[in-house]
Amino acid sequence: MFARVLVFLALAVILAVPFLARRGGDAPVDEGERLKLIVMTPHVSQIREEFATAFDKWHRREHGVGVEIDYRTPGGTSEIVRVLQAQFTAGVRDGRYTIGADGEVGLDEGVISYDLMFGGGTYDHGRLKSGVDVETGDEGALHVPISAPAGFEQAQLDEWFGENVIGAGQLYDDEQYWVGTALSSFGIVYNRDVLERVLGRRDIDSFDDLGDPRMAGWVALADPNMSGSVTTTLDAILSNYGWEHGWQTLRAMCANTRYFTNSSTKPPIDVSLGDAAAGLAIDFYGRGQAQSVLREGETPTTGRVGYADPAGAVFIDPDPISLIRSGPNPELARRFVEFVLSNEGQAIWNFRATTRDGADNPRGPDGLAMGPERHELRRMPVRRSFYEDFGEYNIDQVNPYEIASTTPSAGWRSSIGIMMGAFAVNNFEAIKGAWEALHAEGVPADVHAEMERVFYAFPTGEQVERLWRATFEGDPPADAVQGFTPETYRAVRGTWRDAGDQARLKVVYTLAFRENYERVEEMAEAAREGAH
């Protein structure tokens, strides 16, 4: 009899556990059941880990069930966009789509397995909004956005963001095709010990410093065709410096680089190791790497690795999140956005880790210290009010709303990958040889001026026409032979919309720049021979 009573009591306790776990009137928390959210992201593992852990806890508390985040990381932001474009295009071509009453195209269930794209820049999330245009047999050409509006009430957006502006940009898309979650600045990471040997000083604060001839072989750069973040940095340089000075700065730093990597995370690491003196970096990569190599007693201003946001050229860009159109779990995806923009979510970006020095961080709704558990991410939160309410607890005491440049983008970004690919990435040895010749001693001033003009020149219309006909059949597009200037930019860019013409023009541009570089070396050689 006593044994039966014990069994009955044990059963009662088991049955009561879900009710004891009930929080705030929501459904009981089931520690076993977990929903799944599939997220495409370029974010590093530390960010992925912290947000996966925190969202699971938040969702259990708020909605009674846990969530497993299945991160997909095919590469950088540009690679993710290409993967999504390919999948949406294939879905339409396979006829697996529907057209709603409003004329919007959606893909059938199961075609797209991703719920969100988390991270990147506004440019690439804008590409998701722009979507794909696909030719079909029955419906003709169909336009399909890759992202979908998040659909939050304006009052909620106002609470999160206040005025929808940061510097010369926005914090979220007006139609909510993307919503900012953090803020990024783009600057220079540098090694003070190496700089002292190369330049004779321990700090730099201008992008022009990366083009100093003494820095030849000491600059680390990512290929803009592989990294959306470095393209954003280069676009900011062009916009703030203007066409002539901007392109010359890009050309000079490319001539100084030791490599073009496919990852924006590699330059900060190589700088910290002393394999490079400086490189372009997103703020949190630069600051994070600087912190990781601090020795005992050092501070960010005295350690061997530093990070600088060049004065007058600080471009602040939101790091957005986009709901993927026709994804399997749109409501769960919206909940993730809500969490990231809550104070709990924002604290993960820049608070100290709660298992280290952040035990006294402000408390959240669950009574526990807010912030990341293990990894200090060194990212700038996006919520404007967060800096007023919790700014004193941020590791980095910088308010992006106070330092953001108000210079708008000049609209030249789409040319960076094509032109920089042609004048530097595909002409790596040629640009280095011409750069060395340009700065050789003993060249007369008038000859040097002409060498400099040729080195920095863009392909002329004559070069484009001649090299096209020598390499391909037929004539080049009419607008391609105008030369490349601010006035002809839009017309020339229009010729790149045809994939075949763009591929051929990339070859032509590469050959034209190579001609120029060879001409620079020939002029230097002739000057040296003339001197003897």
Protein backbone atom coordinates (compact mmCIF):
# COMPACT_ATOMS: atom_id res chain seq x y z
CA MET A 1 0.00 0.00 0.00
CA PHE A 2 2.82 2.40 0.95
CA ALA A 3 4.59 1.66 -2.35
CA ARG A 4 1.40 2.49 -4.28
CA VAL A 5 1.15 5.84 -2.48
CA LEU A 6 4.77 6.65 -3.43
CA VAL A 7 4.08 5.79 -7.06
CA PHE A 8 0.93 7.97 -7.02
CA LEU A 9 2.83 10.91 -5.50
CA ALA A 10 5.66 10.55 -8.03
CA LEU A 11 3.14 10.54 -10.89
CA ALA A 12 1.44 13.63 -9.48
CA VAL A 13 4.75 15.48 -9.31
CA ILE A 14 5.56 14.56 -12.93
CA LEU A 15 2.16 15.78 -14.11
CA ALA A 16 2.52 19.00 -12.15
CA VAL A 17 5.91 19.99 -13.58
CA PRO A 18 4.58 21.61 -16.79
CA PHE A 19 2.14 23.73 -14.75
CA LEU A 20 4.85 24.78 -12.29
CA ALA A 21 6.99 25.83 -15.27
CA ARG A 22 4.25 28.09 -16.66
CA ARG A 23 5.46 31.72 -16.95
CA GLY A 24 3.25 34.79 -17.23
CA GLY A 25 0.12 32.91 -18.28
CA ASP A 26 1.69 31.56 -21.49
CA ALA A 27 1.67 27.95 -22.57
CA PRO A 28 3.81 25.65 -20.39
CA VAL A 29 7.47 25.41 -21.24
CA ASP A 30 8.32 22.05 -22.77
CA GLU A 31 12.03 21.52 -22.25
CA GLY A 32 12.05 18.76 -24.84
CA GLU A 33 10.19 20.29 -27.79
CA ARG A 34 12.08 22.79 -29.97
CA LEU A 35 11.08 24.66 -33.08
CA LYS A 36 13.59 25.17 -35.87
CA LEU A 37 14.58 28.47 -37.47
CA ILE A 38 16.84 28.31 -40.53
CA VAL A 39 19.04 31.38 -40.90
CA MET A 40 21.44 32.36 -43.70
CA THR A 41 24.22 34.49 -42.23
CA PRO A 42 27.75 35.77 -42.82
CA HIS A 43 28.16 36.32 -39.06
CA VAL A 44 31.08 34.74 -37.24
CA SER A 45 30.58 31.77 -34.94
CA GLN A 46 30.64 33.88 -31.75
CA ILE A 47 27.66 35.95 -32.90
CA ARG A 48 25.80 32.87 -34.06
CA GLU A 49 26.35 31.10 -30.75
CA GLU A 50 25.31 34.00 -28.52
CA PHE A 51 22.09 34.79 -30.40
CA ALA A 52 21.10 31.13 -30.74
CA THR A 53 21.46 30.55 -27.00
CA ALA A 54 19.73 33.78 -25.98
CA PHE A 55 16.82 33.44 -28.43
CA ASP A 56 16.13 29.90 -27.26
CA LYS A 57 15.85 31.13 -23.66
CA TRP A 58 13.76 34.17 -24.64
CA HIS A 59 11.37 32.10 -26.73
CA ARG A 60 10.90 29.54 -23.98
CA ARG A 61 10.01 32.33 -21.57
CA GLU A 62 7.75 34.27 -23.92
CA HIS A 63 6.15 31.48 -25.96
CA GLY A 64 6.60 28.28 -23.96
CA VAL A 65 8.82 26.36 -26.36
CA GLY A 66 12.49 26.43 -27.29
CA VAL A 67 14.01 27.17 -30.69
CA GLU A 68 16.99 25.62 -32.43
CA ILE A 69 18.65 27.94 -34.93
CA ASP A 70 20.05 26.11 -37.92
CA TYR A 71 22.63 28.51 -39.34
CA ARG A 72 23.67 28.21 -42.98
CA THR A 73 26.97 29.89 -43.89
CA PRO A 74 27.79 29.36 -47.58
CA GLY A 75 30.24 32.27 -47.51
CA GLY A 76 30.21 36.04 -47.26
CA THR A 77 27.25 38.30 -47.88
CA SER A 78 27.73 38.37 -51.64
CA GLU A 79 27.81 34.57 -51.82
CA ILE A 80 24.62 34.30 -49.77
CA VAL A 81 22.83 36.69 -52.11
CA ARG A 82 23.98 34.66 -55.11
CA VAL A 83 22.74 31.42 -53.53
CA LEU A 84 19.32 32.93 -52.84
CA GLN A 85 19.09 34.46 -56.31
CA ALA A 86 19.87 31.08 -57.87
CA GLN A 87 17.28 29.24 -55.78
CA PHE A 88 14.51 31.75 -56.45
CA THR A 89 15.31 31.75 -60.16
CA ALA A 90 15.27 27.94 -60.28
CA GLY A 91 11.96 27.79 -58.40
CA VAL A 92 10.25 30.08 -60.92
CA ARG A 93 11.75 28.31 -63.92
CA ASP A 94 10.54 24.98 -62.55
CA GLY A 95 7.01 26.42 -62.40
CA ARG A 96 6.82 26.13 -58.61
CA TYR A 97 5.22 29.51 -57.96
CA THR A 98 1.88 31.21 -57.51
CA ILE A 99 0.71 34.71 -58.38
CA GLY A 100 -1.48 36.34 -55.75
CA ALA A 101 -4.45 38.63 -56.27
CA ASP A 102 -2.12 41.61 -55.76
CA GLY A 103 0.14 40.35 -58.53
CA GLU A 104 2.97 39.39 -56.17
CA VAL A 105 4.80 36.17 -56.94
CA GLY A 106 5.43 33.62 -54.21
CA LEU A 107 7.16 30.26 -54.39
CA ASP A 108 5.40 27.02 -53.51
CA GLU A 109 5.84 25.45 -50.10
CA GLY A 110 9.12 23.60 -49.77
CA VAL A 111 10.98 25.44 -52.52
CA ILE A 112 12.73 27.79 -50.10
CA SER A 113 13.96 26.35 -46.81
CA TYR A 114 15.44 29.53 -45.32
CA ASP A 115 13.59 31.84 -42.94
CA LEU A 116 15.96 34.78 -42.52
CA MET A 117 19.11 36.44 -43.75
CA PHE A 118 20.84 37.82 -40.66
CA GLY A 119 23.76 40.19 -41.16
CA GLY A 120 25.52 41.93 -44.02
CA GLY A 121 25.01 45.49 -45.21
CA THR A 122 22.08 47.52 -46.46
CA TYR A 123 23.32 47.27 -50.05
CA ASP A 124 23.08 43.49 -50.19
CA HIS A 125 19.79 43.40 -48.30
CA GLY A 126 18.57 45.91 -50.87
CA ARG A 127 19.51 43.35 -53.51
CA LEU A 128 17.23 40.86 -51.77
CA LYS A 129 14.42 43.40 -52.01
CA SER A 130 15.19 43.95 -55.70
CA GLY A 131 14.93 40.19 -56.18
CA VAL A 132 15.18 38.43 -59.53
CA ASP A 133 13.53 38.77 -62.92
CA VAL A 134 12.86 35.41 -64.51
CA GLU A 135 11.61 34.70 -68.02
CA THR A 136 8.86 32.06 -68.12
CA GLY A 137 7.05 30.48 -71.00
CA ASP A 138 3.48 31.14 -69.88
CA GLU A 139 3.61 34.28 -67.76
CA GLY A 140 6.39 36.11 -69.54
CA ALA A 141 8.98 37.85 -67.36
CA LEU A 142 8.19 37.60 -63.64
CA HIS A 143 9.66 39.77 -60.92
CA VAL A 144 10.17 38.06 -57.57
CA PRO A 145 11.50 39.86 -54.47
CA ILE A 146 13.65 37.53 -52.37
CA SER A 147 12.76 39.22 -49.08
CA ALA A 148 9.34 40.02 -47.66
CA PRO A 149 8.10 43.00 -45.58
CA ALA A 150 8.39 42.33 -41.85
CA GLY A 151 5.02 43.99 -41.19
CA PHE A 152 5.61 45.64 -37.80
CA GLU A 153 3.39 48.50 -36.66
CA GLN A 154 4.87 51.97 -36.99
CA ALA A 155 4.56 52.48 -33.24
CA GLN A 156 6.80 49.47 -32.70
CA LEU A 157 9.38 50.80 -35.19
CA ASP A 158 9.32 54.20 -33.49
CA GLU A 159 9.97 52.56 -30.11
CA TRP A 160 12.93 50.63 -31.51
CA PHE A 161 14.52 53.27 -33.73
CA GLY A 162 13.05 56.73 -33.19
CA GLU A 163 13.78 58.78 -36.31
CA ASN A 164 14.65 56.55 -39.26
CA VAL A 165 18.04 58.09 -39.98
CA ILE A 166 21.73 57.44 -39.24
CA GLY A 167 24.17 59.84 -40.89
CA ALA A 168 23.17 59.90 -44.55
CA GLY A 169 21.34 56.57 -44.39
CA GLN A 170 18.32 54.84 -42.92
CA LEU A 171 17.90 52.39 -40.05
CA TYR A 172 15.25 50.31 -41.79
CA ASP A 173 13.70 50.03 -45.22
CA ASP A 174 10.54 52.14 -45.55
CA GLU A 175 8.58 49.04 -46.56
CA GLN A 176 10.41 46.86 -43.97
CA TYR A 177 12.05 44.59 -46.54
CA TRP A 178 15.04 44.86 -44.21
CA VAL A 179 15.42 46.10 -40.64
CA GLY A 180 18.66 47.16 -38.97
CA THR A 181 19.80 45.11 -35.97
CA ALA A 182 23.23 46.62 -35.23
CA LEU A 183 25.45 49.37 -36.64
CA SER A 184 28.82 49.04 -38.31
CA SER A 185 31.52 51.58 -39.06
CA PHE A 186 34.30 50.92 -41.53
CA GLY A 187 37.87 51.93 -40.81
CA ILE A 188 41.49 50.85 -40.51
CA VAL A 189 43.05 48.17 -38.32
CA TYR A 190 46.81 48.56 -37.86
CA ASN A 191 49.84 47.13 -36.10
CA ARG A 192 51.70 49.82 -34.15
CA ASP A 193 54.98 47.90 -33.98
CA VAL A 194 55.10 47.34 -37.76
CA LEU A 195 53.99 50.90 -38.53
CA GLU A 196 56.82 52.27 -36.43
CA ARG A 197 59.30 50.38 -38.61
CA VAL A 198 57.57 51.25 -41.91
CA LEU A 199 56.35 54.83 -41.38
CA GLY A 200 58.20 55.90 -38.25
CA ARG A 201 55.00 56.40 -36.24
CA ARG A 202 52.67 54.17 -34.26
CA ASP A 203 49.23 55.41 -35.32
CA ILE A 204 47.42 56.25 -38.55
CA ASP A 205 44.07 57.94 -38.98
CA SER A 206 43.51 58.40 -42.73
CA PHE A 207 42.77 56.11 -45.66
CA ASP A 208 45.45 58.04 -47.54
CA ASP A 209 48.03 56.43 -45.23
CA LEU A 210 47.31 53.07 -46.88
CA GLY A 211 48.48 54.57 -50.19
CA ASP A 212 51.82 55.81 -48.86
CA PRO A 213 54.53 54.29 -51.14
CA ARG A 214 56.46 53.18 -48.04
CA MET A 215 53.55 50.82 -47.30
CA ALA A 216 54.21 48.72 -50.42
CA GLY A 217 53.64 45.07 -49.51
CA TRP A 218 52.35 45.95 -46.03
CA VAL A 219 48.61 46.46 -46.70
CA ALA A 220 46.02 43.66 -46.37
CA LEU A 221 42.84 43.88 -48.46
CA ALA A 222 39.83 41.72 -49.22
CA ASP A 223 38.56 41.29 -52.78
CA PRO A 224 35.43 43.47 -53.13
CA ASN A 225 33.94 40.84 -55.43
CA MET A 226 33.97 38.44 -52.47
CA SER A 227 33.23 40.76 -49.54
CA GLY A 228 30.28 43.11 -49.23
CA SER A 229 31.78 44.79 -46.17
CA VAL A 230 35.01 45.85 -47.89
CA THR A 231 32.95 47.13 -50.84
CA THR A 232 30.99 49.28 -48.40
CA THR A 233 34.26 50.68 -47.05
CA LEU A 234 35.57 51.44 -50.53
CA ASP A 235 32.27 53.05 -51.50
CA ALA A 236 32.52 55.30 -48.43
CA ILE A 237 36.03 56.36 -49.50
CA LEU A 238 34.81 57.22 -53.01
CA SER A 239 31.81 59.13 -51.71
CA ASN A 240 33.74 61.13 -49.12
CA TYR A 241 36.87 61.78 -51.22
CA GLY A 242 35.19 62.35 -54.57
CA TRP A 243 35.82 60.69 -57.94
CA GLU A 244 39.43 61.66 -58.64
CA HIS A 245 40.92 61.53 -55.15
CA GLY A 246 38.77 58.53 -54.22
CA TRP A 247 39.81 56.33 -57.15
CA GLN A 248 43.44 57.36 -56.75
CA THR A 249 43.30 56.35 -53.08
CA LEU A 250 41.82 52.96 -53.99
CA ARG A 251 44.42 52.43 -56.72
CA ALA A 252 47.31 53.34 -54.39
CA MET A 253 46.21 51.06 -51.56
CA CYS A 254 45.72 48.24 -54.08
CA ALA A 255 49.25 48.77 -55.35
CA ASN A 256 50.49 48.46 -51.75
CA THR A 257 48.53 45.33 -50.82
CA ARG A 258 50.26 42.03 -50.20
CA TYR A 259 47.19 40.02 -51.29
CA PHE A 260 43.47 40.08 -52.06
CA THR A 261 41.69 37.64 -49.77
CA ASN A 262 38.15 36.33 -50.13
CA SER A 263 37.42 36.94 -46.45
CA SER A 264 37.09 40.27 -44.65
CA THR A 265 38.13 38.56 -41.38
CA LYS A 266 41.65 37.71 -42.61
CA PRO A 267 43.25 41.22 -42.72
CA PRO A 268 42.69 41.98 -39.00
CA ILE A 269 44.22 38.63 -38.07
CA ASP A 270 47.25 39.12 -40.30
CA VAL A 271 47.71 42.66 -38.99
CA SER A 272 47.70 41.38 -35.41
CA LEU A 273 50.32 38.76 -36.35
CA GLY A 274 52.57 41.42 -37.89
CA ASP A 275 52.25 39.97 -41.40
CA ALA A 276 50.71 43.28 -42.50
CA ALA A 277 50.96 46.81 -41.17
CA ALA A 278 47.36 47.84 -41.83
CA GLY A 279 44.16 46.91 -43.60
CA LEU A 280 40.53 47.82 -44.02
CA ALA A 281 38.18 46.36 -41.43
CA ILE A 282 34.69 46.54 -40.02
CA ASP A 283 34.88 48.19 -36.61
CA PHE A 284 34.10 45.09 -34.57
CA TYR A 285 36.67 42.97 -36.43
CA GLY A 286 39.31 45.63 -35.80
CA ARG A 287 38.41 46.34 -32.17
CA GLY A 288 37.90 42.66 -31.39
CA GLN A 289 41.28 41.71 -32.79
CA ALA A 290 42.93 44.59 -30.92
CA GLN A 291 41.40 43.37 -27.66
CA SER A 292 42.32 39.74 -28.25
CA VAL A 293 46.07 40.51 -28.37
CA LEU A 294 46.26 42.92 -25.43
CA ARG A 295 49.00 42.05 -22.96
CA GLU A 296 48.61 42.54 -19.23
CA GLY A 297 48.62 46.23 -18.37
CA GLU A 298 47.94 47.36 -21.96
CA THR A 299 44.92 49.34 -23.13
CA PRO A 300 43.40 49.71 -26.63
CA THR A 301 45.45 52.92 -27.05
CA THR A 302 48.75 51.32 -26.06
CA GLY A 303 48.43 47.75 -27.37
CA ARG A 304 50.22 46.67 -30.52
CA VAL A 305 46.99 46.59 -32.56
CA GLY A 306 44.82 49.67 -33.02
CA TYR A 307 41.66 50.59 -34.88
CA ALA A 308 40.74 54.01 -36.34
CA ASP A 309 37.61 55.52 -37.85
CA PRO A 310 39.13 58.16 -40.16
CA ALA A 311 37.87 61.63 -39.28
CA GLY A 312 35.35 63.03 -41.74
CA ALA A 313 34.86 59.70 -43.50
CA VAL A 314 33.10 57.54 -40.91
CA PHE A 315 30.41 55.66 -42.77
CA ILE A 316 27.86 54.04 -40.45
CA ASP A 317 25.75 51.31 -42.01
CA PRO A 318 23.02 49.22 -40.37
CA ASP A 319 23.62 45.49 -40.18
CA PRO A 320 20.16 44.31 -41.27
CA ILE A 321 17.97 41.28 -41.08
CA SER A 322 15.51 40.27 -43.81
CA LEU A 323 12.63 37.83 -43.81
CA ILE A 324 12.98 35.46 -46.76
CA ARG A 325 9.89 35.38 -48.98
CA SER A 326 8.03 32.04 -48.90
CA GLY A 327 10.19 30.81 -46.01
CA PRO A 328 8.78 27.96 -43.88
CA ASN A 329 8.33 29.85 -40.57
CA PRO A 330 7.50 33.54 -41.12
CA GLU A 331 5.98 34.06 -37.65
CA LEU A 332 8.97 32.50 -35.90
CA ALA A 333 11.22 34.65 -38.08
CA ARG A 334 9.36 37.78 -36.94
CA ARG A 335 9.81 36.73 -33.33
CA PHE A 336 13.56 36.50 -33.86
CA VAL A 337 13.56 40.06 -35.18
CA GLU A 338 11.56 41.17 -32.11
CA PHE A 339 14.09 39.51 -29.82
CA VAL A 340 17.15 41.00 -31.54
CA LEU A 341 15.62 44.49 -31.24
CA SER A 342 14.60 44.08 -27.60
CA ASN A 343 16.93 45.52 -24.97
CA GLU A 344 17.96 41.96 -24.15
CA GLY A 345 18.96 41.35 -27.74
CA GLN A 346 20.70 44.70 -28.13
CA ALA A 347 22.74 44.12 -24.96
CA ILE A 348 24.36 41.09 -26.59
CA TRP A 349 26.13 43.31 -29.10
CA ASN A 350 28.32 45.41 -26.77
CA PHE A 351 27.90 44.43 -23.10
CA ARG A 352 30.58 42.52 -21.25
CA ALA A 353 30.14 38.75 -21.08
CA THR A 354 28.06 37.73 -18.07
CA THR A 355 30.36 34.80 -17.29
CA ARG A 356 33.39 37.13 -17.15
CA ASP A 357 33.24 40.79 -16.11
CA GLY A 358 29.56 41.39 -16.83
CA ALA A 359 27.97 39.86 -13.75
CA ASP A 360 26.79 43.34 -12.71
CA ASN A 361 25.23 44.22 -16.07
CA PRO A 362 21.67 45.60 -15.92
CA ARG A 363 18.99 42.96 -15.34
CA GLY A 364 16.48 41.86 -17.95
CA PRO A 365 12.83 40.78 -17.52
CA ASP A 366 13.98 37.38 -16.24
CA GLY A 367 16.01 39.01 -13.45
CA LEU A 368 19.33 37.89 -14.95
CA ALA A 369 22.18 40.06 -16.15
CA MET A 370 21.76 41.10 -19.79
CA GLY A 371 24.54 40.63 -22.30
CA PRO A 372 26.39 37.80 -24.05
CA GLU A 373 27.29 34.73 -22.02
CA ARG A 374 30.83 34.03 -23.27
CA HIS A 375 31.86 36.19 -26.23
CA GLU A 376 32.17 39.97 -26.19
CA LEU A 377 31.07 40.91 -29.70
CA ARG A 378 32.11 44.59 -29.80
CA ARG A 379 29.22 45.59 -32.11
CA MET A 380 27.27 48.87 -31.88
CA PRO A 381 23.57 48.39 -30.99
CA VAL A 382 21.08 49.96 -33.39
CA ARG A 383 18.42 51.19 -30.95
CA ARG A 384 18.88 54.93 -30.44
CA SER A 385 17.36 54.85 -26.94
CA PHE A 386 19.76 52.07 -25.91
CA TYR A 387 22.62 54.59 -25.77
CA GLU A 388 20.64 56.82 -23.43
CA ASP A 389 19.40 54.02 -21.19
CA PHE A 390 22.36 51.61 -21.16
CA GLY A 391 25.25 53.31 -22.99
CA GLU A 392 27.43 53.45 -19.86
CA TYR A 393 27.54 49.64 -19.84
CA ASN A 394 28.80 49.31 -23.43
CA ILE A 395 32.39 48.15 -23.77
CA ASP A 396 33.03 50.67 -26.55
CA GLN A 397 32.09 54.14 -25.38
CA VAL A 398 31.16 55.50 -28.80
CA ASN A 399 27.77 56.78 -29.93
CA PRO A 400 27.44 56.13 -33.67
CA TYR A 401 24.66 58.70 -33.95
CA GLU A 402 27.19 61.39 -33.03
CA ILE A 403 30.03 60.40 -35.39
CA ALA A 404 28.25 59.23 -38.56
CA SER A 405 29.18 61.07 -41.76
CA THR A 406 26.26 62.82 -43.41
CA THR A 407 27.83 62.56 -46.88
CA PRO A 408 25.47 60.42 -48.97
CA SER A 409 26.70 57.65 -51.22
CA ALA A 410 27.69 58.99 -54.61
CA GLY A 411 26.12 55.94 -56.26
CA TRP A 412 29.34 54.48 -57.69
CA ARG A 413 29.38 51.27 -55.66
CA SER A 414 28.38 48.97 -58.53
CA SER A 415 31.60 49.86 -60.36
CA ILE A 416 33.98 48.95 -57.53
CA GLY A 417 34.08 45.18 -58.03
CA ILE A 418 34.36 45.46 -61.81
CA MET A 419 36.97 48.20 -61.98
CA MET A 420 39.03 47.14 -58.97
CA GLY A 421 38.96 43.58 -60.27
CA ALA A 422 40.39 44.81 -63.58
CA PHE A 423 42.95 47.35 -62.35
CA ALA A 424 44.22 45.38 -59.34
CA VAL A 425 42.94 41.87 -58.60
CA ASN A 426 43.42 40.60 -62.17
CA ASN A 427 46.53 42.75 -62.65
CA PHE A 428 48.19 42.03 -59.33
CA GLU A 429 51.80 41.81 -60.57
CA ALA A 430 51.35 44.51 -63.22
CA ILE A 431 50.07 47.15 -60.81
CA LYS A 432 52.90 46.40 -58.38
CA GLY A 433 55.51 46.73 -61.12
CA ALA A 434 54.07 50.03 -62.33
CA TRP A 435 53.80 51.34 -58.75
CA GLU A 436 57.46 50.55 -58.11
CA ALA A 437 58.43 52.25 -61.38
CA LEU A 438 56.31 55.28 -60.51
CA HIS A 439 58.24 55.83 -57.29
CA ALA A 440 61.70 55.02 -58.58
CA GLU A 441 64.37 57.68 -58.12
CA GLY A 442 65.96 59.64 -60.94
CA VAL A 443 62.85 60.19 -63.13
CA PRO A 444 62.48 63.80 -64.39
CA ALA A 445 59.47 65.70 -63.03
CA ASP A 446 57.71 66.03 -66.40
CA VAL A 447 58.12 62.34 -67.14
CA HIS A 448 56.95 61.43 -63.64
CA ALA A 449 53.81 63.55 -64.10
CA GLU A 450 52.96 61.69 -67.31
CA MET A 451 53.67 58.33 -65.65
CA GLU A 452 51.33 59.26 -62.82
CA ARG A 453 48.60 60.31 -65.25
CA VAL A 454 48.83 56.99 -67.13
CA PHE A 455 49.00 54.93 -63.94
CA TYR A 456 45.75 56.38 -62.56
CA ALA A 457 43.93 56.54 -65.92
CA PHE A 458 40.79 54.56 -66.74
CA PRO A 459 40.45 52.81 -70.12
CA THR A 460 39.75 55.26 -72.90
CA GLY A 461 37.06 54.77 -75.51
CA GLU A 462 39.80 54.07 -78.07
CA GLN A 463 41.28 51.33 -75.89
CA VAL A 464 37.91 49.70 -75.26
CA GLU A 465 37.00 49.65 -78.95
CA ARG A 466 40.41 48.43 -80.12
CA LEU A 467 40.87 45.73 -77.49
CA TRP A 468 37.28 44.49 -77.86
CA ARG A 469 37.70 44.02 -81.62
CA ALA A 470 41.09 42.38 -81.14
CA THR A 471 39.69 39.93 -78.61
CA PHE A 472 36.04 39.35 -79.56
CA GLU A 473 33.92 39.37 -82.67
CA GLY A 474 31.76 42.36 -83.51
CA ASP A 475 31.62 45.82 -81.97
CA PRO A 476 31.43 46.75 -78.27
CA PRO A 477 28.25 48.36 -76.88
CA ALA A 478 28.10 51.98 -78.01
CA ASP A 479 28.00 53.39 -74.48
CA ALA A 480 31.08 51.36 -73.48
CA VAL A 481 33.40 53.45 -75.68
CA GLN A 482 32.65 56.79 -74.03
CA GLY A 483 35.39 56.51 -71.44
CA PHE A 484 34.75 56.13 -67.72
CA THR A 485 34.00 59.45 -65.98
CA PRO A 486 31.42 60.71 -63.47
CA GLU A 487 29.45 62.09 -66.42
CA THR A 488 29.43 58.82 -68.40
CA TYR A 489 29.16 56.52 -65.38
CA ARG A 490 25.46 55.67 -65.66
CA ALA A 491 25.65 55.02 -69.39
CA VAL A 492 28.69 52.77 -69.02
CA ARG A 493 27.11 50.97 -66.07
CA GLY A 494 24.11 50.24 -68.28
CA THR A 495 26.33 48.14 -70.56
CA TRP A 496 27.12 45.84 -67.62
CA ARG A 497 23.50 44.73 -67.26
CA ASP A 498 23.97 42.23 -70.06
CA ALA A 499 25.94 39.39 -68.46
CA GLY A 500 27.78 38.55 -71.70
CA ASP A 501 28.81 42.14 -72.39
CA GLN A 502 29.89 42.59 -68.77
CA ALA A 503 32.12 39.50 -68.91
CA ARG A 504 33.74 40.67 -72.15
CA LEU A 505 34.22 44.21 -70.86
CA LYS A 506 35.94 42.88 -67.73
CA VAL A 507 38.49 41.24 -70.03
CA VAL A 508 38.86 44.44 -72.08
CA TYR A 509 39.30 46.60 -68.97
CA THR A 510 41.93 44.23 -67.60
CA LEU A 511 43.89 44.38 -70.87
CA ALA A 512 43.60 48.19 -70.99
CA PHE A 513 44.92 48.66 -67.46
CA ARG A 514 47.74 46.24 -68.22
CA GLU A 515 48.68 48.35 -71.25
CA ASN A 516 48.80 51.42 -69.04
CA TYR A 517 50.96 49.75 -66.41
CA GLU A 518 53.37 48.46 -69.05
CA ARG A 519 53.55 51.98 -70.48
CA VAL A 520 54.46 53.35 -67.03
CA GLU A 521 57.34 50.88 -66.72
CA GLU A 522 58.50 51.66 -70.27
CA MET A 523 58.60 55.38 -69.50
CA ALA A 524 60.60 54.76 -66.33
CA GLU A 525 63.07 52.55 -68.22
CA ALA A 526 63.43 55.12 -71.00
CA ALA A 527 64.06 57.85 -68.42
CA ARG A 528 66.77 55.78 -66.75
CA GLU A 529 68.44 55.02 -70.10
CA GLY A 530 68.26 58.70 -71.05
CA ALA A 531 69.94 59.67 -67.82
CA HIS A 532 72.93 57.55 -68.80
